[in-house]
């Protein structure tokens, strides 16, 4: 069984625990997740199976879409409602102030990864170190928040839809918003709706689904890679590529480019890279 699942992750468990559960239910060991969602978060978590695990990194690089519910008036050490309260405020705000500050969230910006995150430093995620009382220096990273939409609000909470680049920490955006409004803010709930071209839909699966239901929703390896250009090569060239050799390919491209490789009979071979009219194997399916 090779391919991908689109899992609708429930709240309260880690992404790794989702993988352990699916391994048990499906009886398949070679399963991983593409990107990480916090235990608090729900929504789209791509799951790679078998040969699909070879292509996981190409999904995590894509832009994301989230819906976040923000609670105003407090800030926590973790950046979400599960953490210890470190600051409080009774300051009120106006809708005009909220709309103005929400718009300021958009654009390219430098963001400091929070200590309570899965970013690895010295071989361990940052949350491992902070739980031991060790606070490490982190480098700011450039991210892009392409669009923020205010969906709903009241005097204590607001719901936003945020489209952003990979590596964007929604908790950081929420804390910055609260500080600009001088009333503090933290994440109450977070749901991921989209990664690249992948959406939560009727073909998504849940951890409580039966084995047969989950298996019926496995997508092919190449269906998760449709953002890459498709090329076809003959069987002789396909054999060379599978053996790790480069072949001549006049793509007339100025820059190197990743492509999906297929045989003339529409069999998916894997990902390749075109550079100076040569096709180099990059990540290939195992074949007999």
C-alpha atoms as a PDB file:
ATOM      1  CA  UNK A   1       0.000   0.000   0.000  1.00  0.00           C
ATOM      2  CA  UNK A   2       1.724   3.155  -1.254  1.00  0.00           C
ATOM      3  CA  UNK A   3       0.418   6.694  -1.333  1.00  0.00           C
ATOM      4  CA  UNK A   4      -1.120   9.389   0.851  1.00  0.00           C
ATOM      5  CA  UNK A   5      -4.062   9.923   3.159  1.00  0.00           C
ATOM      6  CA  UNK A   6      -5.669  13.248   3.968  1.00  0.00           C
ATOM      7  CA  UNK A   7      -6.326  12.914   7.694  1.00  0.00           C
ATOM      8  CA  UNK A   8      -8.640  15.220   9.608  1.00  0.00           C
ATOM      9  CA  UNK A   9      -6.614  15.326  12.823  1.00  0.00           C
ATOM     10  CA  UNK A  10      -8.589  15.572  16.083  1.00  0.00           C
ATOM     11  CA  UNK A  11      -7.615  17.871  18.963  1.00  0.00           C
ATOM     12  CA  UNK A  12      -5.798  16.593  22.015  1.00  0.00           C
ATOM     13  CA  UNK A  13      -3.215  14.285  20.435  1.00  0.00           C
ATOM     14  CA  UNK A  14       0.108  14.794  18.690  1.00  0.00           C
ATOM     15  CA  UNK A  15       0.790  14.213  15.005  1.00  0.00           C
ATOM     16  CA  UNK A  16       3.064  11.321  15.977  1.00  0.00           C
ATOM     17  CA  UNK A  17       0.248   9.689  17.951  1.00  0.00           C
ATOM     18  CA  UNK A  18      -1.921   9.852  14.820  1.00  0.00           C
ATOM     19  CA  UNK A  19       0.779   7.905  12.976  1.00  0.00           C
ATOM     20  CA  UNK A  20       0.997   5.274  15.764  1.00  0.00           C
ATOM     21  CA  UNK A  21      -2.787   4.845  15.660  1.00  0.00           C
ATOM     22  CA  UNK A  22      -2.854   4.378  11.880  1.00  0.00           C
ATOM     23  CA  UNK A  23       0.010   1.885  12.006  1.00  0.00           C
ATOM     24  CA  UNK A  24      -2.021  -0.169  14.456  1.00  0.00           C
ATOM     25  CA  UNK A  25      -5.302   0.083  12.536  1.00  0.00           C
ATOM     26  CA  UNK A  26      -3.853  -0.581   9.076  1.00  0.00           C
ATOM     27  CA  UNK A  27      -1.153  -3.046  10.099  1.00  0.00           C
ATOM     28  CA  UNK A  28       1.437  -1.072   8.098  1.00  0.00           C
ATOM     29  CA  UNK A  29       4.724   0.047   9.668  1.00  0.00           C
ATOM     30  CA  UNK A  30       5.967   2.446   6.996  1.00  0.00           C
ATOM     31  CA  UNK A  31       3.723   5.428   7.750  1.00  0.00           C
ATOM     32  CA  UNK A  32       4.697   9.041   8.474  1.00  0.00           C
ATOM     33  CA  UNK A  33       3.142  12.488   8.614  1.00  0.00           C
ATOM     34  CA  UNK A  34       3.924  15.434   6.328  1.00  0.00           C
ATOM     35  CA  UNK A  35       4.394  18.412   8.624  1.00  0.00           C
ATOM     36  CA  UNK A  36       3.290  18.748  12.236  1.00  0.00           C
ATOM     37  CA  UNK A  37       0.169  20.047  13.953  1.00  0.00           C
ATOM     38  CA  UNK A  38       0.182  20.960  17.644  1.00  0.00           C
ATOM     39  CA  UNK A  39      -1.940  18.754  19.943  1.00  0.00           C
ATOM     40  CA  UNK A  40      -4.415  21.632  20.270  1.00  0.00           C
ATOM     41  CA  UNK A  41      -4.795  21.952  16.484  1.00  0.00           C
ATOM     42  CA  UNK A  42      -7.172  20.040  14.226  1.00  0.00           C
ATOM     43  CA  UNK A  43      -7.529  19.625  10.497  1.00  0.00           C
ATOM     44  CA  UNK A  44      -5.489  18.608   7.501  1.00  0.00           C
ATOM     45  CA  UNK A  45      -2.548  16.338   8.267  1.00  0.00           C
ATOM     46  CA  UNK A  46      -1.200  14.520   5.179  1.00  0.00           C
ATOM     47  CA  UNK A  47      -0.157  10.965   5.994  1.00  0.00           C
ATOM     48  CA  UNK A  48       2.351   9.158   3.777  1.00  0.00           C
ATOM     49  CA  UNK A  49       2.255   5.374   3.400  1.00  0.00           C
ATOM     50  CA  UNK A  50       4.882   3.018   1.990  1.00  0.00           C
ATOM     51  CA  UNK A  51       6.602   4.532  -1.039  1.00  0.00           C
ATOM     52  CA  UNK A  52       4.627   7.725  -0.432  1.00  0.00           C
ATOM     53  CA  UNK A  53       7.020   8.521   2.433  1.00  0.00           C
ATOM     54  CA  UNK A  54       9.683   9.328  -0.184  1.00  0.00           C
ATOM     55  CA  UNK A  55       7.738  12.408  -1.252  1.00  0.00           C
ATOM     56  CA  UNK A  56       6.708  13.818   2.149  1.00  0.00           C
ATOM     57  CA  UNK A  57       9.114  16.767   2.020  1.00  0.00           C
ATOM     58  CA  UNK A  58       7.558  18.057  -1.184  1.00  0.00           C
ATOM     59  CA  UNK A  59       4.250  18.603   0.627  1.00  0.00           C
ATOM     60  CA  UNK A  60       5.592  20.365   3.709  1.00  0.00           C
ATOM     61  CA  UNK A  61       7.093  23.105   1.496  1.00  0.00           C
ATOM     62  CA  UNK A  62       3.661  24.290   0.310  1.00  0.00           C
ATOM     63  CA  UNK A  63       1.600  27.271   1.480  1.00  0.00           C
ATOM     64  CA  UNK A  64      -1.008  26.681   4.210  1.00  0.00           C
ATOM     65  CA  UNK A  65      -4.500  27.924   5.082  1.00  0.00           C
ATOM     66  CA  UNK A  66      -5.731  28.060   8.703  1.00  0.00           C
ATOM     67  CA  UNK A  67      -8.731  29.150  10.721  1.00  0.00           C
ATOM     68  CA  UNK A  68      -7.867  30.370  14.203  1.00  0.00           C
ATOM     69  CA  UNK A  69     -10.053  31.450  17.107  1.00  0.00           C
ATOM     70  CA  UNK A  70      -8.289  34.080  19.213  1.00  0.00           C
ATOM     71  CA  UNK A  71      -9.000  34.789  22.862  1.00  0.00           C
ATOM     72  CA  UNK A  72      -8.146  38.343  23.905  1.00  0.00           C
ATOM     73  CA  UNK A  73      -7.152  39.579  27.342  1.00  0.00           C
ATOM     74  CA  UNK A  74      -4.439  37.068  28.159  1.00  0.00           C
ATOM     75  CA  UNK A  75      -1.129  35.685  26.984  1.00  0.00           C
ATOM     76  CA  UNK A  76       0.323  32.278  27.872  1.00  0.00           C
ATOM     77  CA  UNK A  77       3.790  30.757  27.909  1.00  0.00           C
ATOM     78  CA  UNK A  78       2.872  28.340  25.096  1.00  0.00           C
ATOM     79  CA  UNK A  79       0.994  30.837  22.920  1.00  0.00           C
ATOM     80  CA  UNK A  80      -2.265  28.910  23.216  1.00  0.00           C
ATOM     81  CA  UNK A  81      -5.025  28.318  25.733  1.00  0.00           C
ATOM     82  CA  UNK A  82      -3.361  25.171  27.130  1.00  0.00           C
ATOM     83  CA  UNK A  83      -0.430  27.126  28.587  1.00  0.00           C
ATOM     84  CA  UNK A  84       0.222  28.963  31.809  1.00  0.00           C
ATOM     85  CA  UNK A  85      -1.094  32.549  31.858  1.00  0.00           C
ATOM     86  CA  UNK A  86       1.792  35.025  31.964  1.00  0.00           C
ATOM     87  CA  UNK A  87      -0.034  38.308  31.199  1.00  0.00           C
ATOM     88  CA  UNK A  88      -3.595  39.617  31.564  1.00  0.00           C
ATOM     89  CA  UNK A  89      -5.438  42.717  30.462  1.00  0.00           C
ATOM     90  CA  UNK A  90      -8.959  44.131  30.872  1.00  0.00           C
ATOM     91  CA  UNK A  91      -8.453  46.596  28.025  1.00  0.00           C
ATOM     92  CA  UNK A  92     -11.275  46.645  25.488  1.00  0.00           C
ATOM     93  CA  UNK A  93     -10.922  47.264  21.765  1.00  0.00           C
ATOM     94  CA  UNK A  94     -13.063  48.530  18.919  1.00  0.00           C
ATOM     95  CA  UNK A  95     -13.950  46.721  15.700  1.00  0.00           C
ATOM     96  CA  UNK A  96     -12.138  49.415  13.758  1.00  0.00           C
ATOM     97  CA  UNK A  97      -8.988  48.835  15.828  1.00  0.00           C
ATOM     98  CA  UNK A  98      -9.268  45.064  15.327  1.00  0.00           C
ATOM     99  CA  UNK A  99      -9.718  45.352  11.553  1.00  0.00           C
ATOM    100  CA  UNK A 100      -6.796  47.754  11.260  1.00  0.00           C
ATOM    101  CA  UNK A 101      -4.410  45.568  13.243  1.00  0.00           C
ATOM    102  CA  UNK A 102      -5.540  42.369  11.484  1.00  0.00           C
ATOM    103  CA  UNK A 103      -4.558  43.901   8.138  1.00  0.00           C
ATOM    104  CA  UNK A 104      -1.121  44.746   9.531  1.00  0.00           C
ATOM    105  CA  UNK A 105      -0.565  41.002   9.972  1.00  0.00           C
ATOM    106  CA  UNK A 106      -0.302  40.567   6.209  1.00  0.00           C
ATOM    107  CA  UNK A 107       2.922  40.672   4.230  1.00  0.00           C
ATOM    108  CA  UNK A 108       6.513  39.457   4.379  1.00  0.00           C
ATOM    109  CA  UNK A 109       8.004  39.565   7.851  1.00  0.00           C
ATOM    110  CA  UNK A 110      10.686  38.157  10.117  1.00  0.00           C
ATOM    111  CA  UNK A 111       9.309  35.765  12.718  1.00  0.00           C
ATOM    112  CA  UNK A 112      11.056  34.268  15.732  1.00  0.00           C
ATOM    113  CA  UNK A 113      10.117  30.583  16.228  1.00  0.00           C
ATOM    114  CA  UNK A 114       8.467  30.139  19.661  1.00  0.00           C
ATOM    115  CA  UNK A 115      10.176  27.966  22.258  1.00  0.00           C
ATOM    116  CA  UNK A 116       7.058  25.802  22.415  1.00  0.00           C
ATOM    117  CA  UNK A 117       7.435  24.480  18.874  1.00  0.00           C
ATOM    118  CA  UNK A 118       8.579  21.339  17.058  1.00  0.00           C
ATOM    119  CA  UNK A 119      11.537  23.096  15.424  1.00  0.00           C
ATOM    120  CA  UNK A 120      14.605  20.983  16.169  1.00  0.00           C
ATOM    121  CA  UNK A 121      17.745  22.449  17.725  1.00  0.00           C
ATOM    122  CA  UNK A 122      20.674  20.207  18.678  1.00  0.00           C
ATOM    123  CA  UNK A 123      18.637  17.200  17.587  1.00  0.00           C
ATOM    124  CA  UNK A 124      15.657  17.914  19.857  1.00  0.00           C
ATOM    125  CA  UNK A 125      12.471  19.958  19.345  1.00  0.00           C
ATOM    126  CA  UNK A 126      12.430  23.312  21.089  1.00  0.00           C
ATOM    127  CA  UNK A 127       9.588  22.247  23.411  1.00  0.00           C
ATOM    128  CA  UNK A 128      11.886  19.493  24.746  1.00  0.00           C
ATOM    129  CA  UNK A 129      14.408  22.103  25.885  1.00  0.00           C
ATOM    130  CA  UNK A 130      11.923  24.561  27.378  1.00  0.00           C
ATOM    131  CA  UNK A 131      10.300  21.793  29.429  1.00  0.00           C
ATOM    132  CA  UNK A 132      13.727  21.248  30.947  1.00  0.00           C
ATOM    133  CA  UNK A 133      13.994  24.941  31.725  1.00  0.00           C
ATOM    134  CA  UNK A 134      16.478  25.596  28.926  1.00  0.00           C
ATOM    135  CA  UNK A 135      15.762  28.599  26.689  1.00  0.00           C
ATOM    136  CA  UNK A 136      17.802  28.632  23.491  1.00  0.00           C
ATOM    137  CA  UNK A 137      18.530  31.473  21.108  1.00  0.00           C
ATOM    138  CA  UNK A 138      16.698  31.177  17.779  1.00  0.00           C
ATOM    139  CA  UNK A 139      17.169  32.881  14.462  1.00  0.00           C
ATOM    140  CA  UNK A 140      14.314  34.824  12.914  1.00  0.00           C
ATOM    141  CA  UNK A 141      12.911  33.386   9.702  1.00  0.00           C
ATOM    142  CA  UNK A 142      11.285  35.202   6.810  1.00  0.00           C
ATOM    143  CA  UNK A 143       7.651  34.211   6.289  1.00  0.00           C
ATOM    144  CA  UNK A 144       4.827  35.531   4.150  1.00  0.00           C
ATOM    145  CA  UNK A 145       1.263  36.025   5.353  1.00  0.00           C
ATOM    146  CA  UNK A 146      -0.504  36.483   2.033  1.00  0.00           C
ATOM    147  CA  UNK A 147      -4.036  37.134   3.332  1.00  0.00           C
ATOM    148  CA  UNK A 148      -5.854  37.468   6.660  1.00  0.00           C
ATOM    149  CA  UNK A 149      -9.661  37.610   6.785  1.00  0.00           C
ATOM    150  CA  UNK A 150     -11.707  38.534   9.845  1.00  0.00           C
ATOM    151  CA  UNK A 151     -14.587  36.024   9.865  1.00  0.00           C
ATOM    152  CA  UNK A 152     -16.259  36.714  13.210  1.00  0.00           C
ATOM    153  CA  UNK A 153     -15.675  38.587  16.460  1.00  0.00           C
ATOM    154  CA  UNK A 154     -17.128  39.685  19.784  1.00  0.00           C
ATOM    155  CA  UNK A 155     -15.760  41.601  22.767  1.00  0.00           C
ATOM    156  CA  UNK A 156     -13.539  38.732  23.899  1.00  0.00           C
ATOM    157  CA  UNK A 157     -12.780  36.606  20.820  1.00  0.00           C
ATOM    158  CA  UNK A 158     -12.189  36.783  17.067  1.00  0.00           C
ATOM    159  CA  UNK A 159     -12.005  34.211  14.282  1.00  0.00           C
ATOM    160  CA  UNK A 160      -9.502  34.693  11.456  1.00  0.00           C
ATOM    161  CA  UNK A 161      -8.682  32.840   8.269  1.00  0.00           C
ATOM    162  CA  UNK A 162      -4.962  33.039   7.526  1.00  0.00           C
ATOM    163  CA  UNK A 163      -3.182  32.089   4.293  1.00  0.00           C
ATOM    164  CA  UNK A 164       0.579  31.879   4.811  1.00  0.00           C
ATOM    165  CA  UNK A 165       3.861  30.352   3.729  1.00  0.00           C
ATOM    166  CA  UNK A 166       5.455  27.273   5.241  1.00  0.00           C
ATOM    167  CA  UNK A 167       7.153  27.809   8.596  1.00  0.00           C
ATOM    168  CA  UNK A 168       4.680  30.456   9.768  1.00  0.00           C
ATOM    169  CA  UNK A 169       3.726  30.161  13.435  1.00  0.00           C
ATOM    170  CA  UNK A 170       0.111  31.195  13.911  1.00  0.00           C
ATOM    171  CA  UNK A 171       0.643  31.514  17.668  1.00  0.00           C
ATOM    172  CA  UNK A 172       3.326  34.111  17.012  1.00  0.00           C
ATOM    173  CA  UNK A 173       1.020  36.089  14.723  1.00  0.00           C
ATOM    174  CA  UNK A 174      -1.732  36.001  17.348  1.00  0.00           C
ATOM    175  CA  UNK A 175       0.567  37.166  20.153  1.00  0.00           C
ATOM    176  CA  UNK A 176       1.885  40.014  17.988  1.00  0.00           C
ATOM    177  CA  UNK A 177      -1.695  41.039  17.180  1.00  0.00           C
ATOM    178  CA  UNK A 178      -2.617  41.121  20.872  1.00  0.00           C
ATOM    179  CA  UNK A 179       0.413  43.199  21.771  1.00  0.00           C
ATOM    180  CA  UNK A 180      -0.253  45.728  19.015  1.00  0.00           C
ATOM    181  CA  UNK A 181      -3.819  46.059  20.314  1.00  0.00           C
ATOM    182  CA  UNK A 182      -2.399  46.389  23.872  1.00  0.00           C
ATOM    183  CA  UNK A 183      -4.804  43.780  25.228  1.00  0.00           C
ATOM    184  CA  UNK A 184      -2.835  40.507  24.800  1.00  0.00           C
ATOM    185  CA  UNK A 185      -4.082  37.459  22.861  1.00  0.00           C
ATOM    186  CA  UNK A 186      -3.662  33.704  22.666  1.00  0.00           C
ATOM    187  CA  UNK A 187      -4.850  30.870  20.415  1.00  0.00           C
ATOM    188  CA  UNK A 188      -8.072  29.244  21.598  1.00  0.00           C
ATOM    189  CA  UNK A 189      -8.414  26.829  18.672  1.00  0.00           C
ATOM    190  CA  UNK A 190      -6.626  26.246  15.390  1.00  0.00           C
ATOM    191  CA  UNK A 191      -7.698  24.310  12.306  1.00  0.00           C
ATOM    192  CA  UNK A 192      -5.676  23.702   9.141  1.00  0.00           C
ATOM    193  CA  UNK A 193      -7.845  23.700   6.023  1.00  0.00           C
ATOM    194  CA  UNK A 194      -5.362  23.481   3.163  1.00  0.00           C
ATOM    195  CA  UNK A 195      -1.777  22.603   2.189  1.00  0.00           C
ATOM    196  CA  UNK A 196      -0.822  23.450  -1.383  1.00  0.00           C
ATOM    197  CA  UNK A 197      -3.567  21.957  -3.546  1.00  0.00           C
ATOM    198  CA  UNK A 198      -4.817  19.615  -0.791  1.00  0.00           C
ATOM    199  CA  UNK A 199      -8.092  20.432   0.970  1.00  0.00           C
ATOM    200  CA  UNK A 200     -10.164  18.805   3.671  1.00  0.00           C
ATOM    201  CA  UNK A 201     -13.121  17.266   1.843  1.00  0.00           C
ATOM    202  CA  UNK A 202     -15.339  14.178   1.678  1.00  0.00           C
ATOM    203  CA  UNK A 203     -12.301  12.082   0.751  1.00  0.00           C
ATOM    204  CA  UNK A 204     -10.566  12.907   4.052  1.00  0.00           C
ATOM    205  CA  UNK A 205     -10.391  10.214   6.716  1.00  0.00           C
ATOM    206  CA  UNK A 206     -10.683  10.198  10.506  1.00  0.00           C
ATOM    207  CA  UNK A 207      -8.948   8.112  13.144  1.00  0.00           C
ATOM    208  CA  UNK A 208     -12.264   6.524  14.171  1.00  0.00           C
ATOM    209  CA  UNK A 209     -12.941   5.248  10.611  1.00  0.00           C
ATOM    210  CA  UNK A 210     -12.802   1.494  10.003  1.00  0.00           C
ATOM    211  CA  UNK A 211      -9.767   0.001   8.285  1.00  0.00           C
ATOM    212  CA  UNK A 212     -11.681  -0.586   5.047  1.00  0.00           C
ATOM    213  CA  UNK A 213     -12.886   3.028   4.961  1.00  0.00           C
ATOM    214  CA  UNK A 214      -9.375   4.377   5.475  1.00  0.00           C
ATOM    215  CA  UNK A 215      -7.826   2.125   2.830  1.00  0.00           C
ATOM    216  CA  UNK A 216     -10.472   3.189   0.308  1.00  0.00           C
ATOM    217  CA  UNK A 217      -9.269   6.790   0.696  1.00  0.00           C
ATOM    218  CA  UNK A 218      -5.570   6.220  -0.030  1.00  0.00           C
ATOM    219  CA  UNK A 219      -4.416   8.520  -2.846  1.00  0.00           C
ATOM    220  CA  UNK A 220      -1.702   7.565  -5.322  1.00  0.00           C
ATOM    221  CA  UNK A 221       1.814   8.893  -4.769  1.00  0.00           C
ATOM    222  CA  UNK A 222       1.757  11.106  -7.852  1.00  0.00           C
ATOM    223  CA  UNK A 223      -1.643  12.650  -7.047  1.00  0.00           C
ATOM    224  CA  UNK A 224       0.024  14.591  -4.238  1.00  0.00           C
ATOM    225  CA  UNK A 225       2.637  16.026  -6.616  1.00  0.00           C
ATOM    226  CA  UNK A 226       0.486  17.647  -9.300  1.00  0.00           C
ATOM    227  CA  UNK A 227       2.118  21.041  -8.726  1.00  0.00           C
ATOM    228  CA  UNK A 228       5.122  19.669 -10.635  1.00  0.00           C
ATOM    229  CA  UNK A 229       5.177  19.545 -14.437  1.00  0.00           C
ATOM    230  CA  UNK A 230       4.494  16.127 -15.957  1.00  0.00           C
ATOM    231  CA  UNK A 231       6.816  14.610 -18.591  1.00  0.00           C
ATOM    232  CA  UNK A 232       6.754  11.237 -20.380  1.00  0.00           C
ATOM    233  CA  UNK A 233       9.796   9.220 -21.469  1.00  0.00           C
ATOM    234  CA  UNK A 234      10.150   5.941 -23.339  1.00  0.00           C
ATOM    235  CA  UNK A 235      10.720   2.635 -21.586  1.00  0.00           C
ATOM    236  CA  UNK A 236      14.407   2.515 -22.459  1.00  0.00           C
ATOM    237  CA  UNK A 237      15.030   5.931 -20.896  1.00  0.00           C
ATOM    238  CA  UNK A 238      12.836   5.022 -17.928  1.00  0.00           C
ATOM    239  CA  UNK A 239      15.069   2.013 -17.262  1.00  0.00           C
ATOM    240  CA  UNK A 240      18.156   4.254 -17.298  1.00  0.00           C
ATOM    241  CA  UNK A 241      16.563   6.735 -14.911  1.00  0.00           C
ATOM    242  CA  UNK A 242      15.524   3.932 -12.559  1.00  0.00           C
ATOM    243  CA  UNK A 243      19.149   2.778 -12.547  1.00  0.00           C
ATOM    244  CA  UNK A 244      20.226   6.237 -11.394  1.00  0.00           C
ATOM    245  CA  UNK A 245      21.464   7.527 -14.753  1.00  0.00           C
ATOM    246  CA  UNK A 246      20.754  10.893 -16.323  1.00  0.00           C
ATOM    247  CA  UNK A 247      19.333  11.120 -19.834  1.00  0.00           C
ATOM    248  CA  UNK A 248      19.184  13.801 -22.504  1.00  0.00           C
ATOM    249  CA  UNK A 249      15.933  15.779 -22.348  1.00  0.00           C
ATOM    250  CA  UNK A 250      15.435  18.949 -24.346  1.00  0.00           C
ATOM    251  CA  UNK A 251      13.050  20.812 -22.042  1.00  0.00           C
ATOM    252  CA  UNK A 252      14.169  24.288 -23.146  1.00  0.00           C
ATOM    253  CA  UNK A 253      14.164  25.471 -19.528  1.00  0.00           C
ATOM    254  CA  UNK A 254      16.633  28.080 -18.350  1.00  0.00           C
ATOM    255  CA  UNK A 255      16.586  27.028 -14.704  1.00  0.00           C
ATOM    256  CA  UNK A 256      16.588  23.652 -13.047  1.00  0.00           C
ATOM    257  CA  UNK A 257      13.138  22.305 -12.377  1.00  0.00           C
ATOM    258  CA  UNK A 258      11.549  19.337 -10.630  1.00  0.00           C
ATOM    259  CA  UNK A 259       9.215  17.263 -12.803  1.00  0.00           C
ATOM    260  CA  UNK A 260       6.976  14.200 -12.474  1.00  0.00           C
ATOM    261  CA  UNK A 261       8.314  11.395 -14.659  1.00  0.00           C
ATOM    262  CA  UNK A 262       6.012   8.900 -16.396  1.00  0.00           C
ATOM    263  CA  UNK A 263       6.532   6.207 -18.981  1.00  0.00           C
ATOM    264  CA  UNK A 264       4.731   6.386 -22.313  1.00  0.00           C
ATOM    265  CA  UNK A 265       2.208   3.958 -20.823  1.00  0.00           C
ATOM    266  CA  UNK A 266       1.423   6.435 -18.009  1.00  0.00           C
ATOM    267  CA  UNK A 267       3.254   4.563 -15.244  1.00  0.00           C
ATOM    268  CA  UNK A 268       4.605   6.917 -12.581  1.00  0.00           C
ATOM    269  CA  UNK A 269       8.388   6.624 -12.201  1.00  0.00           C
ATOM    270  CA  UNK A 270       9.088   9.355  -9.647  1.00  0.00           C
ATOM    271  CA  UNK A 271      10.483  12.871  -9.449  1.00  0.00           C
ATOM    272  CA  UNK A 272      13.355  14.089 -11.556  1.00  0.00           C
ATOM    273  CA  UNK A 273      15.265  17.299 -12.017  1.00  0.00           C
ATOM    274  CA  UNK A 274      15.917  18.955 -15.362  1.00  0.00           C
ATOM    275  CA  UNK A 275      19.140  20.912 -15.669  1.00  0.00           C
ATOM    276  CA  UNK A 276      20.813  22.059 -18.883  1.00  0.00           C
ATOM    277  CA  UNK A 277      18.764  19.710 -21.091  1.00  0.00           C
ATOM    278  CA  UNK A 278      19.505  16.719 -18.893  1.00  0.00           C
ATOM    279  CA  UNK A 279      17.012  14.788 -16.772  1.00  0.00           C
ATOM    280  CA  UNK A 280      18.447  13.589 -13.472  1.00  0.00           C
ATOM    281  CA  UNK A 281      16.652  11.131 -11.155  1.00  0.00           C
ATOM    282  CA  UNK A 282      15.703  12.780  -7.870  1.00  0.00           C
ATOM    283  CA  UNK A 283      13.213  10.601  -5.939  1.00  0.00           C
ATOM    284  CA  UNK A 284      11.984   7.376  -7.547  1.00  0.00           C
ATOM    285  CA  UNK A 285       9.486   4.653  -6.755  1.00  0.00           C
ATOM    286  CA  UNK A 286      10.983   1.272  -5.951  1.00  0.00           C
ATOM    287  CA  UNK A 287      10.451  -1.205  -8.786  1.00  0.00           C
ATOM    288  CA  UNK A 288      10.962  -4.922  -9.275  1.00  0.00           C
END
